[in-house]
Amino acid sequence: MDLILMGAKELSNADGGTLYMKDDGHLRFQIIRNDSLDIKMGGNGEPPPSLPPVPLALDDGTPNRTNVVSQSVHEQITINIPDAYDEGRFDFSGTKAFDQRTGYHSTSFLTVPLKPRGGDVIGALQLINARPAGSAEIVPFSPEIQRFVEALAAQAATALYNRELLDAQERLMDAMIQIIAGAIDAKSPYTGGHCERVPELSLMLAEEACKVTEGPLADFAFHTPEQWREFKIGAWLHDCGKVTTPEYVVDKATKLETIHNRIHEVRMRFEVLLRDARIERLEAIAAGRTAAAEAAFEARRAELVEEFAFIAECNLGGEFMAPERVERLKDIAKRTWMRHFDDRLGLSQEELRRMESLPAAPLPAMETLLADKPNHVIARPKNAAVFDQAFRFKTRIPDNLYNFGEIYNLGIGRGTLTEEERFKINEHIIQTIIMLERMPFPKHLSRVAEYAGTHHETLSGTGYPRCLEAGDLSIPSRITAIADIFEALTASDRPYKKPKTLSECVKILSFFKKDRHIDPDLFDLFLSSGVYLRYAERYLRPDQIDAVDISQFVTRPS
């Protein structure tokens, strides 16, 4: 914008000039220059103009035609005034008052609307006091100079319009990215505000890393706004692949849970077995074997109650499920019950397709109490993008997409997730990479996929999904990895875990440093710069913030 105004001043040898931009019913002073009065407002390195904007409409809503700049914009015409003091069409009282205060004499004015080809007026350019070359005499703006300034204004308007389009596209892109991140956070209470807070923490640590002047981080810096924006977008999109992760997998609180907790189905089978035992009891009593019937029923009832309690306990998951418990689970699963209804009625087409290999059993059909059936298994498509060698994924990929087998799920050794479900959760980073590497980012955003897709990699090469080594991980990637872990540790809005204190989180993060999962220099900077505490004061609950002795964790001088 400076070049536009200064070019017009130089072209016309004007003493002063003002660039106005149209903004919400007003013309805002963008840049003001005056050589005689040495006025410099707006533009590069100068304070913005403090003058009130020019209204395009009067209080009654009619167009403001008393101001020369407003009239030029409304009519989309150039207005050339040889002498403002002889001009009766426009109100120059403000100009005359300014002249009286400063001793200046505003004489000739040239006001040109800024209108890009095929677009609406976006502002105006006003020049004051034309002078002949090499002279201080004030003269009117000649028709020849007016044509040159109009041509310059037309080109400038197109350039400004294109720049505004680019800025608008960037704002739109940023808004869409934040909408995606917000939708992921809103998708499940288990993610909370993770996608919003990780970029904030990443930027805080990156700012400190850019200040480092010695050691391994000395050569790192973001030098341009574009580099900062590229990093910020990568941080915002670091979990965008979670849009593909089913909620019930992320939220799976029990082993039999899918869309609902299937323990209710299992309990109904125990109810059927208890009902059958009650029928046997009544039949025995009717046959005159009352005492034996009562004893057998009570023993059977106690056995079923205890066995269901065991199954229900297995369903809750835990740190470890001993092999003998798995064997007992399999023994209980062998109990049988009679099914009297067709198990293919009311099924979707996909469910029926998975049962095509199973011949329909004649009714009544004997069923085991628990089962791993072929229709419980959903195969992984062989043409899935995760198998594309171009993406260089090294993570082991389970053969099946899901396995809903009842014994298989209840026998999970730790937690509540099967191998397939754990991969499905970890797959979010694979999907993040696939999605972002397929996007046609411009050159200045070419590293977005890298910044977003490496926060689960480690310096030791044991991360996923590409098992990258330390030499493959840039400083921005390492920053996001620390931010991702620390946010997850400190989050207090996860319903599945009790919030940890700040000292506990720092200690856990130090273990990641020790195991070479995160960058040790960035971890030390994270503590010594106080980023961890500033983040805590902003996002943690007061009862989480306790004293942290960072000296026991920092191995390099601050």
Protein backbone atom coordinates (compact mmCIF):
# COMPACT_ATOMS: atom_id res chain seq x y z
CA MET A 1 0.00 0.00 0.00
CA ASP A 2 2.92 2.34 0.67
CA LEU A 3 4.12 1.84 -2.88
CA ILE A 4 0.71 2.78 -4.27
CA LEU A 5 0.52 6.09 -2.45
CA MET A 6 4.19 6.98 -2.85
CA GLY A 7 4.10 6.08 -6.54
CA ALA A 8 1.11 8.36 -7.12
CA LYS A 9 2.78 11.21 -5.17
CA GLU A 10 5.98 10.84 -7.16
CA LEU A 11 4.14 10.61 -10.45
CA SER A 12 2.22 13.83 -9.79
CA ASN A 13 4.85 15.53 -7.62
CA ALA A 14 2.13 16.06 -5.01
CA ASP A 15 3.02 17.41 -1.59
CA GLY A 16 0.67 15.06 0.24
CA GLY A 17 -1.59 12.10 -0.20
CA THR A 18 -4.00 9.80 1.57
CA LEU A 19 -5.04 6.24 0.92
CA TYR A 20 -8.55 5.33 2.09
CA MET A 21 -9.97 1.80 2.34
CA LYS A 22 -13.68 1.03 2.32
CA ASP A 23 -14.71 -0.69 5.52
CA ASP A 24 -18.24 -1.35 6.84
CA GLY A 25 -19.95 1.80 5.57
CA HIS A 26 -16.95 4.07 6.11
CA LEU A 27 -13.76 5.11 4.40
CA ARG A 28 -10.93 4.33 6.78
CA PHE A 29 -7.69 6.34 6.70
CA GLN A 30 -5.07 3.72 5.77
CA ILE A 31 -1.96 5.81 4.99
CA ILE A 32 -1.31 9.56 5.24
CA ARG A 33 1.79 11.36 3.94
CA ASN A 34 2.65 15.07 3.75
CA ASP A 35 6.13 16.26 2.86
CA SER A 36 5.87 19.89 4.01
CA LEU A 37 4.42 18.96 7.40
CA ASP A 38 6.53 15.78 7.71
CA ILE A 39 3.40 13.71 8.45
CA LYS A 40 3.75 9.95 8.22
CA MET A 41 0.89 7.81 9.43
CA GLY A 42 0.15 4.22 8.52
CA GLY A 43 2.13 1.96 6.27
CA ASN A 44 5.37 0.20 7.03
CA GLY A 45 6.83 1.04 10.40
CA GLU A 46 4.51 4.00 11.07
CA PRO A 47 1.74 4.34 13.65
CA PRO A 48 -1.76 3.97 12.17
CA PRO A 49 -3.81 7.12 11.53
CA SER A 50 -5.99 8.15 14.47
CA LEU A 51 -8.44 10.23 12.43
CA PRO A 52 -12.11 9.19 12.48
CA PRO A 53 -13.26 7.46 9.29
CA VAL A 54 -15.30 9.24 6.64
CA PRO A 55 -18.93 8.05 6.71
CA LEU A 56 -20.36 6.98 3.37
CA ALA A 57 -23.87 7.82 4.55
CA LEU A 58 -25.38 10.61 6.63
CA ASP A 59 -27.36 10.06 9.82
CA ASP A 60 -30.61 9.83 7.83
CA GLY A 61 -29.17 7.06 5.66
CA THR A 62 -28.75 9.13 2.52
CA PRO A 63 -25.39 9.06 0.69
CA ASN A 64 -22.76 11.42 2.03
CA ARG A 65 -22.14 13.71 -0.95
CA THR A 66 -20.72 16.64 0.97
CA ASN A 67 -17.34 14.96 1.38
CA VAL A 68 -15.26 14.83 -1.77
CA VAL A 69 -13.82 11.35 -1.06
CA SER A 70 -17.25 9.88 -0.24
CA GLN A 71 -18.74 11.41 -3.40
CA SER A 72 -15.91 10.04 -5.54
CA VAL A 73 -16.59 6.54 -4.17
CA HIS A 74 -20.36 6.80 -4.55
CA GLU A 75 -20.20 8.04 -8.15
CA GLN A 76 -17.08 6.01 -9.00
CA ILE A 77 -15.55 9.02 -10.71
CA THR A 78 -12.36 11.05 -10.39
CA ILE A 79 -12.85 14.51 -8.87
CA ASN A 80 -10.20 17.11 -9.76
CA ILE A 81 -10.41 20.33 -7.72
CA PRO A 82 -8.00 23.16 -8.71
CA ASP A 83 -8.54 25.15 -5.51
CA ALA A 84 -10.45 23.93 -2.47
CA TYR A 85 -11.00 27.51 -1.26
CA ASP A 86 -12.97 28.30 -4.43
CA GLU A 87 -14.92 25.01 -4.34
CA GLY A 88 -18.62 25.19 -3.41
CA ARG A 89 -19.79 21.63 -4.07
CA PHE A 90 -18.08 20.00 -1.10
CA ASP A 91 -17.55 20.76 2.56
CA PHE A 92 -13.90 21.65 3.14
CA SER A 93 -14.46 23.23 6.55
CA GLY A 94 -12.37 20.55 8.24
CA THR A 95 -9.55 21.10 5.75
CA LYS A 96 -9.64 24.85 6.28
CA ALA A 97 -9.58 24.41 10.07
CA PHE A 98 -6.55 22.14 9.71
CA ASP A 99 -4.82 24.74 7.55
CA GLN A 100 -5.53 27.43 10.14
CA ARG A 101 -4.01 25.32 12.93
CA THR A 102 -0.91 24.28 11.02
CA GLY A 103 -0.28 27.21 8.67
CA TYR A 104 -0.59 24.86 5.72
CA HIS A 105 -2.59 25.77 2.63
CA SER A 106 -4.51 22.91 1.00
CA THR A 107 -5.19 23.96 -2.56
CA SER A 108 -5.42 21.40 -5.36
CA PHE A 109 -7.04 18.02 -4.79
CA LEU A 110 -7.19 14.93 -6.99
CA THR A 111 -9.46 12.16 -5.67
CA VAL A 112 -9.54 8.85 -7.56
CA PRO A 113 -11.72 5.83 -6.59
CA LEU A 114 -9.96 2.49 -6.31
CA LYS A 115 -11.99 0.10 -8.40
CA PRO A 116 -10.61 -3.23 -9.64
CA ARG A 117 -11.69 -4.44 -13.07
CA GLY A 118 -15.11 -6.02 -12.78
CA GLY A 119 -15.35 -5.35 -9.04
CA ASP A 120 -16.74 -2.83 -6.59
CA VAL A 121 -14.93 0.23 -5.30
CA ILE A 122 -12.62 -0.80 -2.44
CA GLY A 123 -11.27 2.62 -1.45
CA ALA A 124 -9.91 5.88 -2.76
CA LEU A 125 -6.64 7.68 -3.43
CA GLN A 126 -6.43 11.41 -2.74
CA LEU A 127 -3.48 13.65 -3.68
CA ILE A 128 -2.99 17.21 -2.43
CA ASN A 129 -1.12 20.19 -3.83
CA ALA A 130 0.45 19.36 -7.16
CA ARG A 131 3.76 21.06 -7.89
CA PRO A 132 5.68 21.55 -11.12
CA ALA A 133 8.97 19.66 -11.23
CA GLY A 134 11.66 21.59 -9.35
CA SER A 135 9.23 24.18 -8.02
CA ALA A 136 7.35 24.75 -4.74
CA GLU A 137 4.48 26.50 -6.51
CA ILE A 138 1.07 24.84 -5.99
CA VAL A 139 -0.76 24.16 -9.27
CA PRO A 140 -3.87 22.18 -10.30
CA PHE A 141 -3.47 18.55 -11.30
CA SER A 142 -3.27 18.54 -15.10
CA PRO A 143 -5.49 16.27 -17.24
CA GLU A 144 -2.37 14.37 -18.32
CA ILE A 145 -1.32 13.72 -14.70
CA GLN A 146 -4.91 12.77 -13.87
CA ARG A 147 -4.90 10.08 -16.57
CA PHE A 148 -1.60 8.69 -15.29
CA VAL A 149 -2.87 8.60 -11.69
CA GLU A 150 -6.14 6.97 -12.79
CA ALA A 151 -4.20 4.26 -14.62
CA LEU A 152 -2.02 3.71 -11.56
CA ALA A 153 -5.10 3.62 -9.30
CA ALA A 154 -6.77 1.02 -11.52
CA GLN A 155 -3.71 -1.24 -11.35
CA ALA A 156 -3.35 -0.62 -7.62
CA ALA A 157 -7.01 -1.41 -7.03
CA THR A 158 -6.66 -4.73 -8.84
CA ALA A 159 -3.53 -5.56 -6.83
CA LEU A 160 -5.24 -4.63 -3.55
CA TYR A 161 -8.35 -6.56 -4.53
CA ASN A 162 -6.31 -9.65 -5.35
CA ARG A 163 -4.45 -9.31 -2.05
CA GLU A 164 -7.74 -9.01 -0.20
CA LEU A 165 -9.01 -12.12 -2.00
CA LEU A 166 -5.91 -14.00 -0.90
CA ASP A 167 -6.30 -12.74 2.66
CA ALA A 168 -9.97 -13.72 2.61
CA GLN A 169 -9.06 -17.17 1.33
CA GLU A 170 -6.51 -17.53 4.12
CA ARG A 171 -9.07 -16.44 6.71
CA LEU A 172 -11.59 -18.87 5.25
CA MET A 173 -9.03 -21.69 5.26
CA ASP A 174 -8.05 -20.94 8.85
CA ALA A 175 -11.71 -20.87 9.89
CA MET A 176 -12.41 -24.20 8.16
CA ILE A 177 -9.36 -25.76 9.81
CA GLN A 178 -10.54 -24.60 13.21
CA ILE A 179 -14.04 -25.88 12.48
CA ILE A 180 -12.59 -29.31 11.66
CA ALA A 181 -10.50 -29.28 14.84
CA GLY A 182 -13.48 -28.15 16.88
CA ALA A 183 -15.68 -30.86 15.38
CA ILE A 184 -13.10 -33.49 16.35
CA ASP A 185 -12.96 -32.15 19.89
CA ALA A 186 -16.77 -32.09 20.07
CA LYS A 187 -17.04 -35.61 18.67
CA SER A 188 -16.17 -37.23 21.97
CA PRO A 189 -15.78 -36.13 25.58
CA TYR A 190 -12.61 -38.25 25.58
CA THR A 191 -10.82 -35.70 23.39
CA GLY A 192 -12.01 -32.51 25.10
CA GLY A 193 -10.34 -29.36 23.72
CA HIS A 194 -7.20 -31.23 22.63
CA CYS A 195 -7.15 -30.01 19.02
CA GLU A 196 -7.46 -26.41 20.19
CA ARG A 197 -4.93 -26.50 23.01
CA VAL A 198 -2.11 -28.38 21.23
CA PRO A 199 -1.57 -25.56 18.68
CA GLU A 200 -1.47 -22.99 21.48
CA LEU A 201 1.14 -24.94 23.41
CA SER A 202 3.11 -25.68 20.24
CA LEU A 203 3.30 -21.98 19.37
CA MET A 204 4.37 -21.09 22.92
CA LEU A 205 7.26 -23.56 22.79
CA ALA A 206 8.20 -22.60 19.21
CA GLU A 207 8.46 -18.94 20.22
CA GLU A 208 10.92 -19.87 22.96
CA ALA A 209 12.89 -22.13 20.61
CA CYS A 210 13.31 -19.23 18.18
CA LYS A 211 14.98 -17.19 20.94
CA VAL A 212 17.71 -19.77 21.61
CA THR A 213 21.14 -18.56 20.48
CA GLU A 214 23.37 -21.46 21.50
CA GLY A 215 23.29 -25.22 21.65
CA PRO A 216 21.44 -27.67 19.37
CA LEU A 217 18.47 -25.31 18.96
CA ALA A 218 20.50 -22.24 17.99
CA ASP A 219 20.01 -22.70 14.24
CA PHE A 220 16.24 -23.08 14.49
CA ALA A 221 13.94 -20.15 13.70
CA PHE A 222 10.84 -19.24 11.77
CA HIS A 223 11.85 -16.21 9.71
CA THR A 224 8.60 -15.28 7.96
CA PRO A 225 4.88 -15.06 8.81
CA GLU A 226 4.31 -17.77 6.22
CA GLN A 227 6.54 -20.21 8.14
CA TRP A 228 4.68 -19.48 11.36
CA ARG A 229 1.35 -19.99 9.64
CA GLU A 230 2.52 -23.26 8.08
CA PHE A 231 3.50 -24.54 11.52
CA LYS A 232 0.27 -23.36 13.12
CA ILE A 233 -1.86 -25.07 10.46
CA GLY A 234 0.12 -28.29 10.94
CA ALA A 235 -0.54 -28.14 14.68
CA TRP A 236 -4.24 -27.43 14.19
CA LEU A 237 -4.55 -30.41 11.82
CA HIS A 238 -2.37 -32.83 13.80
CA ASP A 239 -5.40 -34.98 14.67
CA CYS A 240 -7.62 -34.35 11.64
CA GLY A 241 -7.55 -38.08 10.87
CA LYS A 242 -9.72 -38.65 13.95
CA VAL A 243 -12.74 -37.81 11.82
CA THR A 244 -12.42 -41.40 10.58
CA THR A 245 -12.28 -42.94 14.06
CA PRO A 246 -15.64 -44.32 15.24
CA GLU A 247 -16.81 -42.80 18.49
CA TYR A 248 -17.62 -46.16 20.05
CA VAL A 249 -13.98 -47.24 19.62
CA VAL A 250 -12.61 -44.07 21.23
CA ASP A 251 -15.24 -44.25 23.99
CA LYS A 252 -15.12 -48.03 24.46
CA ALA A 253 -15.45 -48.41 28.24
CA THR A 254 -16.11 -52.17 28.38
CA LYS A 255 -14.84 -55.09 26.34
CA LEU A 256 -18.21 -56.02 24.82
CA GLU A 257 -19.13 -52.48 23.90
CA THR A 258 -19.75 -51.58 20.29
CA ILE A 259 -22.59 -49.14 19.70
CA HIS A 260 -24.03 -50.53 22.94
CA ASN A 261 -22.69 -52.71 25.75
CA ARG A 262 -23.35 -56.30 24.65
CA ILE A 263 -23.17 -57.55 28.24
CA HIS A 264 -26.94 -57.09 28.21
CA GLU A 265 -27.25 -59.77 25.52
CA VAL A 266 -25.05 -62.12 27.52
CA ARG A 267 -27.07 -61.47 30.66
CA MET A 268 -30.27 -62.39 28.81
CA ARG A 269 -28.72 -65.76 27.91
CA PHE A 270 -28.03 -66.36 31.60
CA GLU A 271 -31.64 -65.37 32.24
CA VAL A 272 -32.70 -68.03 29.74
CA LEU A 273 -30.54 -70.64 31.48
CA LEU A 274 -32.00 -69.67 34.86
CA ARG A 275 -35.49 -69.84 33.45
CA ASP A 276 -34.74 -73.32 32.07
CA ALA A 277 -33.46 -74.36 35.50
CA ARG A 278 -36.66 -73.06 37.08
CA ILE A 279 -38.75 -75.04 34.59
CA GLU A 280 -36.75 -78.20 35.39
CA ARG A 281 -37.37 -77.53 39.10
CA LEU A 282 -41.12 -77.17 38.59
CA GLU A 283 -41.23 -80.32 36.47
CA ALA A 284 -39.32 -82.25 39.16
CA ILE A 285 -41.68 -80.98 41.88
CA ALA A 286 -44.65 -82.05 39.77
CA ALA A 287 -43.06 -85.50 39.57
CA GLY A 288 -42.79 -85.67 43.36
CA ARG A 289 -39.04 -84.94 43.71
CA THR A 290 -39.46 -81.68 45.61
CA ALA A 291 -36.47 -81.77 47.94
CA ALA A 292 -33.99 -82.79 45.29
CA ALA A 293 -35.47 -80.27 42.85
CA GLU A 294 -35.12 -77.40 45.29
CA ALA A 295 -31.51 -78.27 46.08
CA ALA A 296 -30.57 -78.68 42.41
CA PHE A 297 -32.22 -75.38 41.49
CA GLU A 298 -30.51 -73.42 44.24
CA ALA A 299 -27.14 -74.89 43.30
CA ARG A 300 -27.77 -74.11 39.64
CA ARG A 301 -28.94 -70.58 40.39
CA ALA A 302 -25.90 -69.84 42.56
CA GLU A 303 -23.62 -71.19 39.84
CA LEU A 304 -25.20 -69.02 37.14
CA VAL A 305 -25.15 -65.92 39.33
CA GLU A 306 -21.47 -66.43 40.12
CA GLU A 307 -20.54 -67.18 36.52
CA PHE A 308 -22.33 -64.10 35.20
CA ALA A 309 -20.62 -61.99 37.85
CA PHE A 310 -17.30 -63.35 36.58
CA ILE A 311 -18.20 -62.57 32.96
CA ALA A 312 -19.35 -59.08 33.97
CA GLU A 313 -16.08 -58.50 35.82
CA CYS A 314 -14.10 -59.64 32.78
CA ASN A 315 -16.08 -57.16 30.70
CA LEU A 316 -14.82 -54.22 32.72
CA GLY A 317 -11.21 -54.64 31.66
CA GLY A 318 -8.17 -53.92 33.78
CA GLU A 319 -4.41 -53.85 33.89
CA PHE A 320 -3.97 -57.60 33.41
CA MET A 321 -6.14 -60.67 32.80
CA ALA A 322 -4.42 -63.84 33.97
CA PRO A 323 -4.33 -66.87 31.63
CA GLU A 324 -6.32 -68.98 34.09
CA ARG A 325 -9.13 -66.44 33.97
CA VAL A 326 -9.15 -66.64 30.19
CA GLU A 327 -9.39 -70.43 30.41
CA ARG A 328 -12.29 -70.20 32.84
CA LEU A 329 -13.96 -67.75 30.47
CA LYS A 330 -13.68 -70.31 27.66
CA ASP A 331 -15.12 -73.05 29.89
CA ILE A 332 -18.16 -70.94 30.78
CA ALA A 333 -18.58 -70.05 27.11
CA LYS A 334 -19.20 -73.75 26.31
CA ARG A 335 -22.52 -73.79 28.18
CA THR A 336 -25.43 -74.12 25.80
CA TRP A 337 -28.88 -72.64 25.49
CA MET A 338 -31.70 -73.14 22.98
CA ARG A 339 -32.54 -70.49 20.42
CA HIS A 340 -36.11 -70.69 19.12
CA PHE A 341 -36.15 -67.74 16.74
CA ASP A 342 -34.55 -67.08 13.35
CA ASP A 343 -31.31 -65.13 13.90
CA ARG A 344 -31.41 -63.71 10.38
CA LEU A 345 -34.60 -61.70 10.74
CA GLY A 346 -34.29 -57.93 11.08
CA LEU A 347 -30.67 -57.82 9.93
CA SER A 348 -29.13 -55.26 7.60
CA GLN A 349 -27.83 -56.29 4.19
CA GLU A 350 -24.24 -56.05 5.47
CA GLU A 351 -25.03 -58.31 8.45
CA LEU A 352 -26.72 -60.84 6.18
CA ARG A 353 -23.72 -60.79 3.84
CA ARG A 354 -21.40 -61.68 6.72
CA MET A 355 -23.63 -64.68 7.55
CA GLU A 356 -23.69 -66.11 4.03
CA SER A 357 -21.01 -68.68 4.87
CA LEU A 358 -23.02 -69.97 7.85
CA PRO A 359 -25.75 -72.47 7.05
CA ALA A 360 -29.01 -71.65 8.80
CA ALA A 361 -29.52 -74.11 11.69
CA PRO A 362 -32.96 -75.71 12.04
CA LEU A 363 -34.97 -74.42 14.97
CA PRO A 364 -34.78 -74.82 17.84
CA ALA A 365 -31.00 -74.42 17.57
CA MET A 366 -28.45 -75.04 20.27
CA GLU A 367 -26.14 -72.06 20.88
CA THR A 368 -23.12 -71.71 23.13
CA LEU A 369 -23.30 -69.12 25.88
CA LEU A 370 -20.46 -67.12 24.32
CA ALA A 371 -19.07 -67.46 20.82
CA ASP A 372 -16.59 -66.17 18.28
CA LYS A 373 -18.51 -66.48 15.02
CA PRO A 374 -17.35 -65.82 11.46
CA ASN A 375 -19.91 -63.03 11.16
CA HIS A 376 -18.25 -61.27 14.08
CA VAL A 377 -15.22 -60.61 11.87
CA ILE A 378 -15.10 -57.67 9.46
CA ALA A 379 -12.24 -58.07 7.00
CA ARG A 380 -10.01 -55.15 6.06
CA PRO A 381 -10.37 -54.10 2.41
CA LYS A 382 -7.23 -55.09 0.53
CA ASN A 383 -7.29 -51.85 -1.45
CA ALA A 384 -7.26 -49.65 1.67
CA ALA A 385 -4.94 -46.65 1.46
CA VAL A 386 -3.01 -47.86 4.51
CA PHE A 387 -1.42 -50.52 2.26
CA ASP A 388 -0.20 -47.95 -0.28
CA GLN A 389 3.60 -48.21 -0.28
CA ALA A 390 3.88 -44.58 -1.38
CA PHE A 391 3.03 -43.50 2.16
CA ARG A 392 5.87 -45.61 3.67
CA PHE A 393 3.90 -46.82 6.69
CA LYS A 394 5.75 -49.40 8.77
CA THR A 395 3.20 -49.97 11.52
CA ARG A 396 1.87 -53.53 11.69
CA ILE A 397 -1.63 -53.58 10.22
CA PRO A 398 -4.08 -56.20 11.59
CA ASP A 399 -5.65 -58.47 8.99
CA ASN A 400 -9.17 -57.56 10.06
CA LEU A 401 -10.87 -54.23 10.39
CA TYR A 402 -12.84 -55.37 13.45
CA ASN A 403 -13.42 -58.58 15.39
CA PHE A 404 -16.54 -58.51 17.55
CA GLY A 405 -16.13 -62.09 18.80
CA GLU A 406 -17.46 -62.36 22.35
CA ILE A 407 -14.76 -64.64 23.73
CA TYR A 408 -12.12 -62.73 21.78
CA ASN A 409 -13.21 -59.43 23.31
CA LEU A 410 -13.82 -60.69 26.84
CA GLY A 411 -10.37 -62.30 26.79
CA ILE A 412 -8.56 -59.00 26.12
CA GLY A 413 -5.44 -59.05 28.30
CA ARG A 414 -5.23 -55.34 29.18
CA GLY A 415 -7.82 -52.60 28.96
CA THR A 416 -10.90 -52.93 26.80
CA LEU A 417 -9.55 -52.67 23.25
CA THR A 418 -8.81 -55.44 20.80
CA GLU A 419 -5.75 -55.32 18.58
CA GLU A 420 -7.97 -54.13 15.74
CA GLU A 421 -9.48 -51.35 17.82
CA ARG A 422 -6.12 -50.18 19.12
CA PHE A 423 -4.94 -49.93 15.54
CA LYS A 424 -8.13 -48.07 14.61
CA ILE A 425 -7.34 -45.46 17.26
CA ASN A 426 -3.67 -45.23 16.24
CA GLU A 427 -4.75 -45.15 12.62
CA HIS A 428 -5.90 -41.56 13.08
CA ILE A 429 -2.34 -40.42 12.42
CA ILE A 430 -2.17 -42.61 9.31
CA GLN A 431 -5.39 -41.05 8.05
CA THR A 432 -4.04 -37.60 8.94
CA ILE A 433 -1.02 -38.24 6.71
CA ILE A 434 -3.11 -39.70 3.88
CA MET A 435 -5.54 -36.81 3.95
CA LEU A 436 -2.93 -34.05 4.11
CA GLU A 437 -0.43 -35.54 1.65
CA ARG A 438 -3.22 -35.79 -0.90
CA MET A 439 -4.06 -32.10 -0.54
CA PRO A 440 -2.56 -29.68 -3.11
CA PHE A 441 -0.95 -27.33 -0.59
CA PRO A 442 0.91 -24.35 -2.11
CA LYS A 443 4.67 -24.23 -1.74
CA HIS A 444 4.61 -22.07 1.40
CA LEU A 445 2.42 -24.68 3.12
CA SER A 446 4.23 -27.74 1.77
CA ARG A 447 5.35 -28.95 5.23
CA VAL A 448 1.91 -28.98 6.84
CA ALA A 449 1.59 -32.75 6.40
CA GLU A 450 5.04 -33.26 7.96
CA TYR A 451 4.28 -31.09 10.98
CA ALA A 452 0.86 -32.71 11.48
CA GLY A 453 1.87 -36.30 10.82
CA THR A 454 4.96 -36.91 12.95
CA HIS A 455 3.88 -36.22 16.54
CA HIS A 456 3.69 -39.95 17.34
CA GLU A 457 7.21 -40.63 16.07
CA THR A 458 10.11 -40.89 18.53
CA LEU A 459 13.82 -40.11 18.45
CA SER A 460 14.52 -43.80 19.10
CA GLY A 461 12.69 -44.94 15.97
CA THR A 462 10.01 -46.82 17.93
CA GLY A 463 7.16 -44.46 17.06
CA TYR A 464 4.49 -44.79 14.44
CA PRO A 465 3.36 -44.94 11.71
CA ARG A 466 6.70 -44.67 9.85
CA CYS A 467 9.20 -45.57 12.60
CA LEU A 468 11.21 -42.45 11.77
CA GLU A 469 14.63 -41.88 13.31
CA ALA A 470 15.87 -38.73 15.06
CA GLY A 471 17.47 -37.45 11.85
CA ASP A 472 14.10 -37.57 10.11
CA LEU A 473 12.33 -35.37 12.66
CA SER A 474 12.47 -31.59 12.32
CA ILE A 475 12.37 -29.22 15.31
CA PRO A 476 8.74 -28.20 14.59
CA SER A 477 7.73 -31.88 14.51
CA ARG A 478 9.44 -32.47 17.85
CA ILE A 479 7.73 -29.42 19.34
CA THR A 480 4.28 -30.70 18.40
CA ALA A 481 5.10 -34.11 19.88
CA ILE A 482 5.81 -32.55 23.28
CA ALA A 483 2.71 -30.37 23.10
CA ASP A 484 0.53 -33.35 22.17
CA ILE A 485 1.75 -35.47 25.09
CA PHE A 486 1.69 -32.70 27.69
CA GLU A 487 -1.83 -31.59 26.76
CA ALA A 488 -3.12 -35.14 27.06
CA LEU A 489 -1.40 -35.58 30.44
CA THR A 490 -2.72 -32.33 31.91
CA ALA A 491 -6.25 -32.42 30.47
CA SER A 492 -8.94 -32.29 33.14
CA ASP A 493 -11.90 -32.78 30.80
CA ARG A 494 -11.39 -36.50 30.11
CA PRO A 495 -14.14 -38.59 31.76
CA TYR A 496 -11.97 -41.72 31.82
CA LYS A 497 -9.17 -40.44 34.05
CA LYS A 498 -8.58 -38.33 37.12
CA PRO A 499 -6.78 -35.04 36.37
CA LYS A 500 -3.06 -35.18 37.18
CA THR A 501 -1.15 -32.46 38.98
CA LEU A 502 1.40 -30.36 37.14
CA SER A 503 4.31 -32.02 38.93
CA GLU A 504 3.00 -35.49 38.04
CA CYS A 505 2.71 -34.51 34.37
CA VAL A 506 6.22 -33.05 34.24
CA LYS A 507 7.63 -36.17 35.88
CA ILE A 508 5.86 -38.45 33.39
CA LEU A 509 7.09 -36.30 30.51
CA SER A 510 10.63 -36.64 31.89
CA PHE A 511 10.33 -40.40 31.41
CA PHE A 512 9.58 -39.75 27.74
CA LYS A 513 12.77 -37.71 27.62
CA LYS A 514 14.76 -40.47 29.31
CA ASP A 515 13.46 -43.08 26.85
CA ARG A 516 14.27 -40.80 23.88
CA HIS A 517 10.65 -40.50 22.89
CA ILE A 518 10.87 -36.70 22.89
CA ASP A 519 13.63 -34.18 22.22
CA PRO A 520 15.68 -33.62 25.43
CA ASP A 521 16.74 -30.08 24.51
CA LEU A 522 13.18 -29.01 23.79
CA PHE A 523 12.02 -30.64 27.01
CA ASP A 524 14.64 -28.70 28.97
CA LEU A 525 13.60 -25.49 27.21
CA PHE A 526 9.96 -26.32 27.91
CA LEU A 527 10.77 -26.23 31.62
CA SER A 528 13.52 -23.61 31.86
CA SER A 529 11.60 -21.05 29.80
CA GLY A 530 8.52 -21.45 31.98
CA VAL A 531 6.28 -22.51 29.09
CA TYR A 532 4.94 -25.41 31.14
CA LEU A 533 3.85 -23.04 33.92
CA ARG A 534 2.37 -20.36 31.65
CA TYR A 535 0.35 -23.03 29.88
CA ALA A 536 -0.76 -24.47 33.23
CA GLU A 537 -1.90 -21.09 34.50
CA ARG A 538 -3.96 -20.65 31.37
CA TYR A 539 -5.51 -24.08 30.94
CA LEU A 540 -5.20 -26.18 34.12
CA ARG A 541 -7.54 -26.14 37.07
CA PRO A 542 -6.15 -24.35 40.14
CA ASP A 543 -6.09 -27.59 42.13
CA GLN A 544 -3.83 -29.17 39.48
CA ILE A 545 -1.12 -26.53 39.72
CA ASP A 546 1.46 -27.43 42.33
CA ALA A 547 5.14 -26.70 42.82
CA VAL A 548 7.57 -28.25 40.34
CA ASP A 549 11.29 -28.52 41.02
CA ILE A 550 12.55 -28.40 37.44
CA SER A 551 16.19 -28.76 38.53
CA GLN A 552 15.72 -32.50 38.90
CA PHE A 553 14.61 -32.80 35.26
CA VAL A 554 16.67 -30.22 33.35
CA THR A 555 20.04 -31.57 32.29
CA ARG A 556 21.28 -28.53 30.41
CA PRO A 557 21.85 -25.05 31.90
CA SER A 558 18.91 -22.69 31.40
